[in-house]
Protein backbone atom coordinates (compact mmCIF):
# COMPACT_ATOMS: atom_id res chain seq x y z
CA MET A 1 -19.26 14.27 -23.99
CA PRO A 2 -17.51 11.66 -21.83
CA ASP A 3 -16.82 8.34 -23.44
CA GLU A 4 -16.22 4.91 -21.91
CA ILE A 5 -12.52 5.56 -21.33
CA ASP A 6 -13.24 8.80 -19.44
CA ARG A 7 -15.77 7.01 -17.23
CA ALA A 8 -13.35 4.13 -16.62
CA GLN A 9 -10.65 6.64 -15.64
CA GLU A 10 -13.01 8.36 -13.19
CA ILE A 11 -13.93 5.03 -11.62
CA ASN A 12 -10.26 4.07 -11.33
CA GLU A 13 -9.37 7.40 -9.71
CA GLN A 14 -12.19 7.02 -7.20
CA PHE A 15 -11.12 3.46 -6.41
CA GLN A 16 -7.54 4.63 -5.79
CA ALA A 17 -8.70 7.53 -3.61
CA ASP A 18 -10.89 5.20 -1.53
CA ALA A 19 -8.10 2.65 -1.16
CA LEU A 20 -5.59 5.30 -0.07
CA ALA A 21 -8.02 6.85 2.38
CA GLY A 22 -8.69 3.44 3.91
CA HIS A 23 -5.00 2.67 4.19
CA LEU A 24 -4.15 6.05 5.71
CA GLY A 25 -7.00 5.71 8.19
CA ARG A 26 -5.73 2.31 9.33
CA ALA A 27 -2.14 3.53 9.48
CA GLN A 28 -3.09 6.54 11.62
CA GLN A 29 -5.09 4.37 14.01
CA ALA A 30 -2.30 1.84 14.43
CA LYS A 31 -0.27 2.21 17.57
CA PRO A 32 3.53 2.13 17.36
CA GLY A 33 4.71 -1.43 17.63
CA GLN A 34 1.46 -2.86 16.21
CA GLY A 35 3.13 -3.60 12.88
CA LEU A 36 4.80 -6.90 12.28
CA GLU A 37 8.40 -7.46 13.26
CA GLU A 38 8.97 -9.84 10.35
CA CYS A 39 8.03 -9.36 6.70
CA VAL A 40 5.00 -11.39 5.58
CA ASP A 41 6.68 -12.12 2.23
CA CYS A 42 10.32 -12.96 2.99
CA GLY A 43 10.30 -13.45 6.77
CA GLU A 44 13.21 -11.07 7.31
CA PRO A 45 13.07 -8.64 10.25
CA ILE A 46 11.49 -5.26 9.51
CA PRO A 47 13.82 -2.50 10.77
CA GLU A 48 12.47 -0.56 13.73
CA ALA A 49 12.92 2.75 11.88
CA ARG A 50 10.53 1.50 9.16
CA ARG A 51 8.02 0.27 11.74
CA ARG A 52 8.06 3.71 13.40
CA ALA A 53 7.81 5.55 10.07
CA VAL A 54 5.00 3.33 8.73
CA PRO A 55 2.85 2.13 11.64
CA GLY A 56 1.21 -1.17 10.87
CA CYS A 57 3.59 -2.07 8.04
CA ARG A 58 3.64 -5.74 7.09
CA ARG A 59 6.52 -5.87 4.60
CA CYS A 60 10.18 -4.91 4.55
CA ILE A 61 11.15 -2.10 2.18
CA GLU A 62 12.36 -4.46 -0.56
CA CYS A 63 9.22 -6.62 -0.55
CA GLN A 64 6.98 -3.55 -0.43
CA ALA A 65 8.79 -2.12 -3.47
CA ASP A 66 8.40 -5.45 -5.30
CA SER A 67 4.71 -5.58 -4.42
CA GLU A 68 4.13 -2.05 -5.67
CA ALA A 69 6.11 -2.70 -8.86
CA VAL A 70 4.04 -5.78 -9.67
CA HIS A 71 0.82 -3.90 -8.96
CA THR A 72 1.92 -0.92 -11.08
CA ASN A 73 3.02 -3.12 -13.97
CA TRP A 74 -0.28 -4.98 -13.86
CA ARG A 75 -2.19 -1.72 -14.28
CA ALA A 76 -0.06 -0.76 -17.29
CA LEU A 77 -1.28 -3.85 -19.16
């Protein structure tokens, strides 16, 4: 019999799946060069190789890693 934690886990997994599907859909629709040339967080230029690899990216690699680390650590609490 599922308890509250099992239901919360299912809801969280569905939320993550929906968020990833939405992101992938937007990334696949983006045309090369549509991403930003400068990071929205630090203002540094985003390397062209990253912009080609991740169409529509808005952050440099370092800021993206920081953003994901903060988000991941928040979920662990």
